[in-house]
Amino acid sequence: MADITVKAAYGSVVEDEGFLFIGFAEGEEEEEGYILFRQPIGGGPVWFEVNDETFAAEEAVLMARKGPKGLEITLRPELAATFGFATSIAVKIGPGCEDADEALAALAAMLGPRWTE
């Protein structure tokens, strides 16, 4: 069972100021859960954030796996304290999740060998 769960209502892929942002969110309100990945457009380290910019780090993702119920993210164990001692995040992606396919495809390309299906 995951340490943190986000029930995604929508996914997003945005290019802005030289970065590619990929995210999933429960809604648009500040207190609603989300995950966010950020990488320079030309490639480079991937920043990962969950629910608040306080819980974020560069190259934190050890592995991400797409499954039938959504996305399972495993964080590097040495960064557990950075994420409130969480080491796994589940992103529940149902059939009503807006733009999920686009966000998942972009995330697979961003994470490369860290991505499995």
PDB file of N, CA and C in Angstrom:
ATOM      1  N   MET A   1       0.835  -1.177   0.000  1.00  0.00           N
ATOM      2  CA  MET A   1       0.000   0.000   0.000  1.00  0.00           C
ATOM      3  C   MET A   1       0.887   1.250   0.000  1.00  0.00           C
ATOM      4  N   ALA A   2       0.469   2.251  -0.763  1.00  0.00           N
ATOM      5  CA  ALA A   2       1.240   3.479  -0.909  1.00  0.00           C
ATOM      6  C   ALA A   2       1.164   4.340   0.343  1.00  0.00           C
ATOM      7  N   ASP A   3       2.219   5.107   0.580  1.00  0.00           N
ATOM      8  CA  ASP A   3       2.258   6.032   1.708  1.00  0.00           C
ATOM      9  C   ASP A   3       1.381   7.259   1.459  1.00  0.00           C
ATOM     10  N   ILE A   4       1.292   7.679   0.196  1.00  0.00           N
ATOM     11  CA  ILE A   4       0.495   8.833  -0.212  1.00  0.00           C
ATOM     12  C   ILE A   4      -0.329   8.421  -1.422  1.00  0.00           C
ATOM     13  N   THR A   5      -1.602   8.835  -1.459  1.00  0.00           N
ATOM     14  CA  THR A   5      -2.456   8.542  -2.606  1.00  0.00           C
ATOM     15  C   THR A   5      -3.074   9.834  -3.124  1.00  0.00           C
ATOM     16  N   VAL A   6      -3.009  10.006  -4.438  1.00  0.00           N
ATOM     17  CA  VAL A   6      -3.644  11.132  -5.119  1.00  0.00           C
ATOM     18  C   VAL A   6      -4.675  10.543  -6.070  1.00  0.00           C
ATOM     19  N   LYS A   7      -5.916  11.001  -5.984  1.00  0.00           N
ATOM     20  CA  LYS A   7      -6.986  10.558  -6.879  1.00  0.00           C
ATOM     21  C   LYS A   7      -7.123  11.604  -7.977  1.00  0.00           C
ATOM     22  N   ALA A   8      -6.494  11.342  -9.117  1.00  0.00           N
ATOM     23  CA  ALA A   8      -6.366  12.339 -10.178  1.00  0.00           C
ATOM     24  C   ALA A   8      -7.671  12.592 -10.925  1.00  0.00           C
ATOM     25  N   ALA A   9      -8.034  13.865 -11.001  1.00  0.00           N
ATOM     26  CA  ALA A   9      -9.170  14.288 -11.814  1.00  0.00           C
ATOM     27  C   ALA A   9      -8.693  14.738 -13.191  1.00  0.00           C
ATOM     28  N   TYR A  10      -7.431  15.173 -13.246  1.00  0.00           N
ATOM     29  CA  TYR A  10      -6.877  15.563 -14.536  1.00  0.00           C
ATOM     30  C   TYR A  10      -5.358  15.461 -14.532  1.00  0.00           C
ATOM     31  N   GLY A  11      -4.822  15.312 -15.743  1.00  0.00           N
ATOM     32  CA  GLY A  11      -3.386  15.323 -15.964  1.00  0.00           C
ATOM     33  C   GLY A  11      -3.041  16.547 -16.789  1.00  0.00           C
ATOM     34  N   SER A  12      -1.782  16.918 -16.814  1.00  0.00           N
ATOM     35  CA  SER A  12      -1.382  18.073 -17.618  1.00  0.00           C
ATOM     36  C   SER A  12       0.051  17.924 -18.093  1.00  0.00           C
ATOM     37  N   VAL A  13       0.299  18.490 -19.261  1.00  0.00           N
ATOM     38  CA  VAL A  13       1.634  18.578 -19.840  1.00  0.00           C
ATOM     39  C   VAL A  13       1.792  20.015 -20.319  1.00  0.00           C
ATOM     40  N   VAL A  14       2.773  20.725 -19.754  1.00  0.00           N
ATOM     41  CA  VAL A  14       2.945  22.143 -20.071  1.00  0.00           C
ATOM     42  C   VAL A  14       4.422  22.432 -20.266  1.00  0.00           C
ATOM     43  N   GLU A  15       4.738  23.192 -21.315  1.00  0.00           N
ATOM     44  CA  GLU A  15       6.096  23.714 -21.508  1.00  0.00           C
ATOM     45  C   GLU A  15       6.061  25.184 -21.133  1.00  0.00           C
ATOM     46  N   ASP A  16       6.990  25.592 -20.262  1.00  0.00           N
ATOM     47  CA  ASP A  16       7.023  26.979 -19.818  1.00  0.00           C
ATOM     48  C   ASP A  16       8.435  27.345 -19.380  1.00  0.00           C
ATOM     49  N   GLU A  17       8.928  28.462 -19.869  1.00  0.00           N
ATOM     50  CA  GLU A  17      10.227  29.014 -19.488  1.00  0.00           C
ATOM     51  C   GLU A  17      11.354  27.988 -19.540  1.00  0.00           C
ATOM     52  N   GLY A  18      11.375  27.169 -20.594  1.00  0.00           N
ATOM     53  CA  GLY A  18      12.449  26.212 -20.789  1.00  0.00           C
ATOM     54  C   GLY A  18      12.309  24.897 -20.040  1.00  0.00           C
ATOM     55  N   PHE A  19      11.163  24.679 -19.418  1.00  0.00           N
ATOM     56  CA  PHE A  19      10.920  23.455 -18.665  1.00  0.00           C
ATOM     57  C   PHE A  19       9.679  22.741 -19.181  1.00  0.00           C
ATOM     58  N   LEU A  20       9.675  21.427 -19.023  1.00  0.00           N
ATOM     59  CA  LEU A  20       8.498  20.604 -19.277  1.00  0.00           C
ATOM     60  C   LEU A  20       7.933  20.206 -17.921  1.00  0.00           C
ATOM     61  N   PHE A  21       6.663  20.495 -17.695  1.00  0.00           N
ATOM     62  CA  PHE A  21       5.957  20.158 -16.458  1.00  0.00           C
ATOM     63  C   PHE A  21       4.906  19.105 -16.769  1.00  0.00           C
ATOM     64  N   ILE A  22       4.885  18.030 -16.000  1.00  0.00           N
ATOM     65  CA  ILE A  22       3.875  16.983 -16.134  1.00  0.00           C
ATOM     66  C   ILE A  22       3.278  16.777 -14.750  1.00  0.00           C
ATOM     67  N   GLY A  23       1.961  16.796 -14.685  1.00  0.00           N
ATOM     68  CA  GLY A  23       1.343  16.661 -13.379  1.00  0.00           C
ATOM     69  C   GLY A  23       0.013  15.940 -13.406  1.00  0.00           C
ATOM     70  N   PHE A  24      -0.407  15.516 -12.239  1.00  0.00           N
ATOM     71  CA  PHE A  24      -1.735  14.949 -12.002  1.00  0.00           C
ATOM     72  C   PHE A  24      -2.265  15.609 -10.745  1.00  0.00           C
ATOM     73  N   ALA A  25      -3.549  15.975 -10.762  1.00  0.00           N
ATOM     74  CA  ALA A  25      -4.124  16.664  -9.608  1.00  0.00           C
ATOM     75  C   ALA A  25      -5.546  16.201  -9.331  1.00  0.00           C
ATOM     76  N   GLU A  26      -5.903  16.286  -8.060  1.00  0.00           N
ATOM     77  CA  GLU A  26      -7.264  15.952  -7.642  1.00  0.00           C
ATOM     78  C   GLU A  26      -8.242  17.046  -8.038  1.00  0.00           C
ATOM     79  N   GLY A  27      -7.786  18.263  -8.141  1.00  0.00           N
ATOM     80  CA  GLY A  27      -8.628  19.400  -8.497  1.00  0.00           C
ATOM     81  C   GLY A  27      -7.779  20.642  -8.606  1.00  0.00           C
ATOM     82  N   GLU A  28      -8.434  21.784  -8.662  1.00  0.00           N
ATOM     83  CA  GLU A  28      -7.726  23.045  -8.852  1.00  0.00           C
ATOM     84  C   GLU A  28      -7.526  23.840  -7.567  1.00  0.00           C
ATOM     85  N   GLU A  29      -8.071  23.356  -6.471  1.00  0.00           N
ATOM     86  CA  GLU A  29      -7.914  24.060  -5.197  1.00  0.00           C
ATOM     87  C   GLU A  29      -6.534  23.780  -4.598  1.00  0.00           C
ATOM     88  N   GLU A  30      -5.992  24.745  -3.898  1.00  0.00           N
ATOM     89  CA  GLU A  30      -4.647  24.649  -3.336  1.00  0.00           C
ATOM     90  C   GLU A  30      -4.467  23.470  -2.383  1.00  0.00           C
ATOM     91  N   GLU A  31      -5.493  23.135  -1.623  1.00  0.00           N
ATOM     92  CA  GLU A  31      -5.369  22.061  -0.635  1.00  0.00           C
ATOM     93  C   GLU A  31      -5.581  20.660  -1.219  1.00  0.00           C
ATOM     94  N   GLU A  32      -5.933  20.570  -2.499  1.00  0.00           N
ATOM     95  CA  GLU A  32      -6.142  19.260  -3.115  1.00  0.00           C
ATOM     96  C   GLU A  32      -4.805  18.643  -3.519  1.00  0.00           C
ATOM     97  N   GLY A  33      -4.738  17.322  -3.460  1.00  0.00           N
ATOM     98  CA  GLY A  33      -3.497  16.610  -3.736  1.00  0.00           C
ATOM     99  C   GLY A  33      -3.059  16.687  -5.187  1.00  0.00           C
ATOM    100  N   TYR A  34      -1.736  16.587  -5.375  1.00  0.00           N
ATOM    101  CA  TYR A  34      -1.173  16.588  -6.731  1.00  0.00           C
ATOM    102  C   TYR A  34       0.225  15.980  -6.710  1.00  0.00           C
ATOM    103  N   ILE A  35       0.689  15.624  -7.896  1.00  0.00           N
ATOM    104  CA  ILE A  35       2.101  15.316  -8.101  1.00  0.00           C
ATOM    105  C   ILE A  35       2.563  16.128  -9.301  1.00  0.00           C
ATOM    106  N   LEU A  36       3.838  16.486  -9.312  1.00  0.00           N
ATOM    107  CA  LEU A  36       4.382  17.305 -10.384  1.00  0.00           C
ATOM    108  C   LEU A  36       5.806  16.868 -10.695  1.00  0.00           C
ATOM    109  N   PHE A  37       6.071  16.706 -11.980  1.00  0.00           N
ATOM    110  CA  PHE A  37       7.416  16.416 -12.475  1.00  0.00           C
ATOM    111  C   PHE A  37       7.858  17.616 -13.298  1.00  0.00           C
ATOM    112  N   ARG A  38       9.151  17.978 -13.211  1.00  0.00           N
ATOM    113  CA  ARG A  38       9.689  19.095 -13.981  1.00  0.00           C
ATOM    114  C   ARG A  38      11.071  18.708 -14.495  1.00  0.00           C
ATOM    115  N   GLN A  39      11.314  19.031 -15.774  1.00  0.00           N
ATOM    116  CA  GLN A  39      12.609  18.738 -16.381  1.00  0.00           C
ATOM    117  C   GLN A  39      12.916  19.820 -17.419  1.00  0.00           C
ATOM    118  N   PRO A  40      14.193  20.225 -17.557  1.00  0.00           N
ATOM    119  CA  PRO A  40      14.536  21.150 -18.635  1.00  0.00           C
ATOM    120  C   PRO A  40      14.135  20.540 -19.984  1.00  0.00           C
ATOM    121  N   ILE A  41      13.669  21.368 -20.906  1.00  0.00           N
ATOM    122  CA  ILE A  41      13.202  20.902 -22.217  1.00  0.00           C
ATOM    123  C   ILE A  41      14.241  20.022 -22.912  1.00  0.00           C
ATOM    124  N   GLY A  42      15.492  20.342 -22.854  1.00  0.00           N
ATOM    125  CA  GLY A  42      16.534  19.570 -23.532  1.00  0.00           C
ATOM    126  C   GLY A  42      16.945  18.304 -22.803  1.00  0.00           C
ATOM    127  N   GLY A  43      16.323  18.007 -21.684  1.00  0.00           N
ATOM    128  CA  GLY A  43      16.701  16.853 -20.872  1.00  0.00           C
ATOM    129  C   GLY A  43      17.442  17.309 -19.633  1.00  0.00           C
ATOM    130  N   GLY A  44      17.733  16.372 -18.770  1.00  0.00           N
ATOM    131  CA  GLY A  44      18.432  16.698 -17.532  1.00  0.00           C
ATOM    132  C   GLY A  44      17.720  16.117 -16.339  1.00  0.00           C
ATOM    133  N   PRO A  45      18.082  16.555 -15.137  1.00  0.00           N
ATOM    134  CA  PRO A  45      17.496  15.991 -13.922  1.00  0.00           C
ATOM    135  C   PRO A  45      15.993  16.258 -13.842  1.00  0.00           C
ATOM    136  N   VAL A  46      15.289  15.305 -13.244  1.00  0.00           N
ATOM    137  CA  VAL A  46      13.841  15.409 -13.076  1.00  0.00           C
ATOM    138  C   VAL A  46      13.533  15.793 -11.627  1.00  0.00           C
ATOM    139  N   TRP A  47      12.806  16.885 -11.473  1.00  0.00           N
ATOM    140  CA  TRP A  47      12.323  17.357 -10.177  1.00  0.00           C
ATOM    141  C   TRP A  47      10.975  16.699  -9.922  1.00  0.00           C
ATOM    142  N   PHE A  48      10.740  16.219  -8.703  1.00  0.00           N
ATOM    143  CA  PHE A  48       9.458  15.617  -8.342  1.00  0.00           C
ATOM    144  C   PHE A  48       8.927  16.282  -7.089  1.00  0.00           C
ATOM    145  N   GLU A  49       7.627  16.574  -7.110  1.00  0.00           N
ATOM    146  CA  GLU A  49       6.971  17.262  -5.998  1.00  0.00           C
ATOM    147  C   GLU A  49       5.632  16.587  -5.734  1.00  0.00           C
ATOM    148  N   VAL A  50       5.267  16.455  -4.451  1.00  0.00           N
ATOM    149  CA  VAL A  50       3.975  15.861  -4.105  1.00  0.00           C
ATOM    150  C   VAL A  50       3.262  16.710  -3.049  1.00  0.00           C
ATOM    151  N   ASN A  51       2.111  17.219  -3.405  1.00  0.00           N
ATOM    152  CA  ASN A  51       1.183  17.941  -2.526  1.00  0.00           C
ATOM    153  C   ASN A  51       1.646  19.301  -2.012  1.00  0.00           C
ATOM    154  N   ASP A  52       2.932  19.612  -2.064  1.00  0.00           N
ATOM    155  CA  ASP A  52       3.432  20.887  -1.553  1.00  0.00           C
ATOM    156  C   ASP A  52       4.884  21.018  -1.994  1.00  0.00           C
ATOM    157  N   GLU A  53       5.318  22.229  -2.293  1.00  0.00           N
ATOM    158  CA  GLU A  53       6.705  22.406  -2.743  1.00  0.00           C
ATOM    159  C   GLU A  53       7.721  22.052  -1.666  1.00  0.00           C
ATOM    160  N   THR A  54       7.282  21.924  -0.430  1.00  0.00           N
ATOM    161  CA  THR A  54       8.161  21.487   0.653  1.00  0.00           C
ATOM    162  C   THR A  54       8.571  20.031   0.458  1.00  0.00           C
ATOM    163  N   PHE A  55       7.672  19.229  -0.093  1.00  0.00           N
ATOM    164  CA  PHE A  55       7.919  17.800  -0.305  1.00  0.00           C
ATOM    165  C   PHE A  55       8.351  17.580  -1.745  1.00  0.00           C
ATOM    166  N   ALA A  56       9.601  17.923  -2.034  1.00  0.00           N
ATOM    167  CA  ALA A  56      10.105  17.880  -3.403  1.00  0.00           C
ATOM    168  C   ALA A  56      11.617  17.701  -3.407  1.00  0.00           C
ATOM    169  N   ALA A  57      12.107  17.100  -4.482  1.00  0.00           N
ATOM    170  CA  ALA A  57      13.555  16.928  -4.636  1.00  0.00           C
ATOM    171  C   ALA A  57      13.883  16.575  -6.079  1.00  0.00           C
ATOM    172  N   GLU A  58      15.099  16.861  -6.448  1.00  0.00           N
ATOM    173  CA  GLU A  58      15.602  16.497  -7.760  1.00  0.00           C
ATOM    174  C   GLU A  58      16.023  15.027  -7.749  1.00  0.00           C
ATOM    175  N   GLU A  59      15.722  14.334  -8.835  1.00  0.00           N
ATOM    176  CA  GLU A  59      16.066  12.919  -9.010  1.00  0.00           C
ATOM    177  C   GLU A  59      15.565  12.043  -7.857  1.00  0.00           C
ATOM    178  N   ALA A  60      14.356  12.324  -7.380  1.00  0.00           N
ATOM    179  CA  ALA A  60      13.772  11.576  -6.267  1.00  0.00           C
ATOM    180  C   ALA A  60      13.124  10.260  -6.704  1.00  0.00           C
ATOM    181  N   VAL A  61      12.729  10.173  -7.974  1.00  0.00           N
ATOM    182  CA  VAL A  61      11.987   9.000  -8.450  1.00  0.00           C
ATOM    183  C   VAL A  61      12.939   7.864  -8.785  1.00  0.00           C
ATOM    184  N   LEU A  62      12.760   6.758  -8.086  1.00  0.00           N
ATOM    185  CA  LEU A  62      13.520   5.549  -8.365  1.00  0.00           C
ATOM    186  C   LEU A  62      12.874   4.781  -9.504  1.00  0.00           C
ATOM    187  N   MET A  63      11.518   4.691  -9.476  1.00  0.00           N
ATOM    188  CA  MET A  63      10.784   3.946 -10.483  1.00  0.00           C
ATOM    189  C   MET A  63       9.338   4.439 -10.524  1.00  0.00           C
ATOM    190  N   ALA A  64       8.752   4.400 -11.715  1.00  0.00           N
ATOM    191  CA  ALA A  64       7.322   4.683 -11.880  1.00  0.00           C
ATOM    192  C   ALA A  64       6.741   3.568 -12.736  1.00  0.00           C
ATOM    193  N   ARG A  65       5.605   3.039 -12.291  1.00  0.00           N
ATOM    194  CA  ARG A  65       4.980   1.920 -13.002  1.00  0.00           C
ATOM    195  C   ARG A  65       3.525   2.236 -13.271  1.00  0.00           C
ATOM    196  N   LYS A  66       3.155   2.117 -14.545  1.00  0.00           N
ATOM    197  CA  LYS A  66       1.761   2.294 -14.926  1.00  0.00           C
ATOM    198  C   LYS A  66       1.071   0.947 -14.777  1.00  0.00           C
ATOM    199  N   GLY A  67      -0.032   0.945 -14.052  1.00  0.00           N
ATOM    200  CA  GLY A  67      -0.800  -0.271 -13.853  1.00  0.00           C
ATOM    201  C   GLY A  67      -2.256  -0.038 -14.199  1.00  0.00           C
ATOM    202  N   PRO A  68      -3.095  -1.030 -13.996  1.00  0.00           N
ATOM    203  CA  PRO A  68      -4.504  -0.911 -14.363  1.00  0.00           C
ATOM    204  C   PRO A  68      -5.279   0.138 -13.562  1.00  0.00           C
ATOM    205  N   LYS A  69      -4.805   0.480 -12.369  1.00  0.00           N
ATOM    206  CA  LYS A  69      -5.518   1.455 -11.538  1.00  0.00           C
ATOM    207  C   LYS A  69      -4.854   2.828 -11.533  1.00  0.00           C
ATOM    208  N   GLY A  70      -3.745   2.969 -12.260  1.00  0.00           N
ATOM    209  CA  GLY A  70      -3.074   4.261 -12.294  1.00  0.00           C
ATOM    210  C   GLY A  70      -1.577   4.137 -12.299  1.00  0.00           C
ATOM    211  N   LEU A  71      -0.953   4.936 -11.486  1.00  0.00           N
ATOM    212  CA  LEU A  71       0.493   5.079 -11.479  1.00  0.00           C
ATOM    213  C   LEU A  71       1.030   4.812 -10.079  1.00  0.00           C
ATOM    214  N   GLU A  72       2.087   4.021  -9.996  1.00  0.00           N
ATOM    215  CA  GLU A  72       2.762   3.764  -8.725  1.00  0.00           C
ATOM    216  C   GLU A  72       4.171   4.325  -8.828  1.00  0.00           C
ATOM    217  N   ILE A  73       4.521   5.198  -7.899  1.00  0.00           N
ATOM    218  CA  ILE A  73       5.825   5.846  -7.915  1.00  0.00           C
ATOM    219  C   ILE A  73       6.600   5.417  -6.677  1.00  0.00           C
ATOM    220  N   THR A  74       7.807   4.937  -6.902  1.00  0.00           N
ATOM    221  CA  THR A  74       8.701   4.562  -5.814  1.00  0.00           C
ATOM    222  C   THR A  74       9.793   5.618  -5.720  1.00  0.00           C
ATOM    223  N   LEU A  75       9.951   6.185  -4.540  1.00  0.00           N
ATOM    224  CA  LEU A  75      10.965   7.212  -4.317  1.00  0.00           C
ATOM    225  C   LEU A  75      12.253   6.600  -3.798  1.00  0.00           C
ATOM    226  N   ARG A  76      13.341   7.315  -4.001  1.00  0.00           N
ATOM    227  CA  ARG A  76      14.630   6.856  -3.479  1.00  0.00           C
ATOM    228  C   ARG A  76      14.552   6.825  -1.951  1.00  0.00           C
ATOM    229  N   PRO A  77      14.892   5.694  -1.331  1.00  0.00           N
ATOM    230  CA  PRO A  77      14.770   5.566   0.132  1.00  0.00           C
ATOM    231  C   PRO A  77      15.556   6.619   0.908  1.00  0.00           C
ATOM    232  N   GLU A  78      16.693   7.035   0.393  1.00  0.00           N
ATOM    233  CA  GLU A  78      17.506   8.021   1.111  1.00  0.00           C
ATOM    234  C   GLU A  78      16.861   9.412   1.159  1.00  0.00           C
ATOM    235  N   LEU A  79      15.801   9.612   0.363  1.00  0.00           N
ATOM    236  CA  LEU A  79      15.099  10.893   0.370  1.00  0.00           C
ATOM    237  C   LEU A  79      13.776  10.830   1.136  1.00  0.00           C
ATOM    238  N   ALA A  80      13.528   9.761   1.853  1.00  0.00           N
ATOM    239  CA  ALA A  80      12.253   9.584   2.561  1.00  0.00           C
ATOM    240  C   ALA A  80      11.945  10.758   3.495  1.00  0.00           C
ATOM    241  N   ALA A  81      12.929  11.268   4.202  1.00  0.00           N
ATOM    242  CA  ALA A  81      12.692  12.378   5.130  1.00  0.00           C
ATOM    243  C   ALA A  81      12.198  13.622   4.393  1.00  0.00           C
ATOM    244  N   THR A  82      12.665  13.827   3.182  1.00  0.00           N
ATOM    245  CA  THR A  82      12.240  14.971   2.374  1.00  0.00           C
ATOM    246  C   THR A  82      10.754  14.909   2.052  1.00  0.00           C
ATOM    247  N   PHE A  83      10.222  13.702   1.956  1.00  0.00           N
ATOM    248  CA  PHE A  83       8.822  13.496   1.581  1.00  0.00           C
ATOM    249  C   PHE A  83       7.971  13.057   2.772  1.00  0.00           C
ATOM    250  N   GLY A  84       8.303  13.536   3.951  1.00  0.00           N
ATOM    251  CA  GLY A  84       7.535  13.189   5.138  1.00  0.00           C
ATOM    252  C   GLY A  84       7.605  11.711   5.451  1.00  0.00           C
ATOM    253  N   PHE A  85       8.721  11.092   5.126  1.00  0.00           N
ATOM    254  CA  PHE A  85       9.003   9.669   5.313  1.00  0.00           C
ATOM    255  C   PHE A  85       8.170   8.765   4.413  1.00  0.00           C
ATOM    256  N   ALA A  86       7.623   9.323   3.356  1.00  0.00           N
ATOM    257  CA  ALA A  86       6.938   8.522   2.339  1.00  0.00           C
ATOM    258  C   ALA A  86       7.972   7.971   1.365  1.00  0.00           C
ATOM    259  N   THR A  87       7.772   6.749   0.924  1.00  0.00           N
ATOM    260  CA  THR A  87       8.642   6.151  -0.094  1.00  0.00           C
ATOM    261  C   THR A  87       7.857   5.675  -1.308  1.00  0.00           C
ATOM    262  N   SER A  88       6.526   5.773  -1.239  1.00  0.00           N
ATOM    263  CA  SER A  88       5.711   5.363  -2.383  1.00  0.00           C
ATOM    264  C   SER A  88       4.468   6.244  -2.501  1.00  0.00           C
ATOM    265  N   ILE A  89       4.118   6.526  -3.750  1.00  0.00           N
ATOM    266  CA  ILE A  89       2.947   7.344  -4.044  1.00  0.00           C
ATOM    267  C   ILE A  89       2.105   6.603  -5.062  1.00  0.00           C
ATOM    268  N   ALA A  90       0.808   6.530  -4.814  1.00  0.00           N
ATOM    269  CA  ALA A  90      -0.133   5.961  -5.782  1.00  0.00           C
ATOM    270  C   ALA A  90      -0.943   7.106  -6.373  1.00  0.00           C
ATOM    271  N   VAL A  91      -1.065   7.100  -7.681  1.00  0.00           N
ATOM    272  CA  VAL A  91      -1.912   8.070  -8.368  1.00  0.00           C
ATOM    273  C   VAL A  91      -3.033   7.274  -9.012  1.00  0.00           C
ATOM    274  N   LYS A  92      -4.228   7.385  -8.446  1.00  0.00           N
ATOM    275  CA  LYS A  92      -5.397   6.682  -8.974  1.00  0.00           C
ATOM    276  C   LYS A  92      -5.897   7.445 -10.191  1.00  0.00           C
ATOM    277  N   ILE A  93      -5.911   6.770 -11.345  1.00  0.00           N
ATOM    278  CA  ILE A  93      -6.316   7.402 -12.598  1.00  0.00           C
ATOM    279  C   ILE A  93      -7.496   6.617 -13.156  1.00  0.00           C
ATOM    280  N   GLY A  94      -8.683   7.171 -12.998  1.00  0.00           N
ATOM    281  CA  GLY A  94      -9.884   6.524 -13.497  1.00  0.00           C
ATOM    282  C   GLY A  94     -10.193   6.945 -14.922  1.00  0.00           C
ATOM    283  N   PRO A  95     -11.233   6.367 -15.505  1.00  0.00           N
ATOM    284  CA  PRO A  95     -11.592   6.681 -16.890  1.00  0.00           C
ATOM    285  C   PRO A  95     -12.009   8.134 -17.096  1.00  0.00           C
ATOM    286  N   GLY A  96     -12.416   8.825 -16.049  1.00  0.00           N
ATOM    287  CA  GLY A  96     -12.820  10.225 -16.164  1.00  0.00           C
ATOM    288  C   GLY A  96     -11.698  11.218 -15.991  1.00  0.00           C
ATOM    289  N   CYS A  97     -10.469  10.754 -15.817  1.00  0.00           N
ATOM    290  CA  CYS A  97      -9.326  11.648 -15.610  1.00  0.00           C
ATOM    291  C   CYS A  97      -8.983  12.343 -16.934  1.00  0.00           C
ATOM    292  N   GLU A  98      -9.175  13.645 -16.951  1.00  0.00           N
ATOM    293  CA  GLU A  98      -8.953  14.444 -18.146  1.00  0.00           C
ATOM    294  C   GLU A  98      -7.465  14.501 -18.517  1.00  0.00           C
ATOM    295  N   ASP A  99      -7.152  14.265 -19.783  1.00  0.00           N
ATOM    296  CA  ASP A  99      -5.793  14.352 -20.351  1.00  0.00           C
ATOM    297  C   ASP A  99      -4.797  13.370 -19.734  1.00  0.00           C
ATOM    298  N   ALA A 100      -5.289  12.275 -19.163  1.00  0.00           N
ATOM    299  CA  ALA A 100      -4.404  11.294 -18.528  1.00  0.00           C
ATOM    300  C   ALA A 100      -3.484  10.627 -19.530  1.00  0.00           C
ATOM    301  N   ASP A 101      -3.999  10.233 -20.687  1.00  0.00           N
ATOM    302  CA  ASP A 101      -3.170   9.522 -21.668  1.00  0.00           C
ATOM    303  C   ASP A 101      -2.005  10.379 -22.144  1.00  0.00           C
ATOM    304  N   GLU A 102      -2.265  11.646 -22.416  1.00  0.00           N
ATOM    305  CA  GLU A 102      -1.207  12.555 -22.853  1.00  0.00           C
ATOM    306  C   GLU A 102      -0.139  12.710 -21.764  1.00  0.00           C
ATOM    307  N   ALA A 103      -0.574  12.878 -20.531  1.00  0.00           N
ATOM    308  CA  ALA A 103       0.369  13.055 -19.418  1.00  0.00           C
ATOM    309  C   ALA A 103       1.182  11.782 -19.174  1.00  0.00           C
ATOM    310  N   LEU A 104       0.548  10.618 -19.255  1.00  0.00           N
ATOM    311  CA  LEU A 104       1.273   9.358 -19.056  1.00  0.00           C
ATOM    312  C   LEU A 104       2.305   9.125 -20.154  1.00  0.00           C
ATOM    313  N   ALA A 105       1.949   9.423 -21.409  1.00  0.00           N
ATOM    314  CA  ALA A 105       2.894   9.258 -22.518  1.00  0.00           C
ATOM    315  C   ALA A 105       4.099  10.191 -22.346  1.00  0.00           C
ATOM    316  N   ALA A 106       3.848  11.429 -21.968  1.00  0.00           N
ATOM    317  CA  ALA A 106       4.939  12.383 -21.753  1.00  0.00           C
ATOM    318  C   ALA A 106       5.813  11.969 -20.577  1.00  0.00           C
ATOM    319  N   LEU A 107       5.190  11.434 -19.533  1.00  0.00           N
ATOM    320  CA  LEU A 107       5.940  10.992 -18.358  1.00  0.00           C
ATOM    321  C   LEU A 107       6.821   9.791 -18.693  1.00  0.00           C
ATOM    322  N   ALA A 108       6.312   8.874 -19.494  1.00  0.00           N
ATOM    323  CA  ALA A 108       7.115   7.714 -19.917  1.00  0.00           C
ATOM    324  C   ALA A 108       8.366   8.181 -20.652  1.00  0.00           C
ATOM    325  N   ALA A 109       8.210   9.169 -21.533  1.00  0.00           N
ATOM    326  CA  ALA A 109       9.371   9.692 -22.261  1.00  0.00           C
ATOM    327  C   ALA A 109      10.336  10.408 -21.327  1.00  0.00           C
ATOM    328  N   MET A 110       9.813  11.160 -20.368  1.00  0.00           N
ATOM    329  CA  MET A 110      10.653  11.908 -19.435  1.00  0.00           C
ATOM    330  C   MET A 110      11.468  10.965 -18.555  1.00  0.00           C
ATOM    331  N   LEU A 111      10.834   9.919 -18.020  1.00  0.00           N
ATOM    332  CA  LEU A 111      11.502   9.041 -17.053  1.00  0.00           C
ATOM    333  C   LEU A 111      12.342   7.953 -17.715  1.00  0.00           C
ATOM    334  N   GLY A 112      12.118   7.682 -18.989  1.00  0.00           N
ATOM    335  CA  GLY A 112      12.935   6.697 -19.716  1.00  0.00           C
ATOM    336  C   GLY A 112      13.014   5.357 -19.013  1.00  0.00           C
ATOM    337  N   PRO A 113      14.216   4.903 -18.657  1.00  0.00           N
ATOM    338  CA  PRO A 113      14.376   3.573 -18.066  1.00  0.00           C
ATOM    339  C   PRO A 113      13.771   3.412 -16.665  1.00  0.00           C
ATOM    340  N   ARG A 114      13.389   4.507 -16.035  1.00  0.00           N
ATOM    341  CA  ARG A 114      12.737   4.428 -14.723  1.00  0.00           C
ATOM    342  C   ARG A 114      11.243   4.127 -14.853  1.00  0.00           C
ATOM    343  N   TRP A 115      10.722   4.049 -16.088  1.00  0.00           N
ATOM    344  CA  TRP A 115       9.307   3.836 -16.367  1.00  0.00           C
ATOM    345  C   TRP A 115       9.056   2.396 -16.781  1.00  0.00           C
ATOM    346  N   THR A 116       8.021   1.772 -16.206  1.00  0.00           N
ATOM    347  CA  THR A 116       7.603   0.440 -16.638  1.00  0.00           C
ATOM    348  C   THR A 116       6.086   0.402 -16.725  1.00  0.00           C
ATOM    349  N   GLU A 117       5.617  -0.529 -17.553  1.00  0.00           N
ATOM    350  CA  GLU A 117       4.166  -0.733 -17.680  1.00  0.00           C
ATOM    351  C   GLU A 117       3.835  -2.164 -17.393  1.00  0.00           C
TER     352      GLU A 117
END
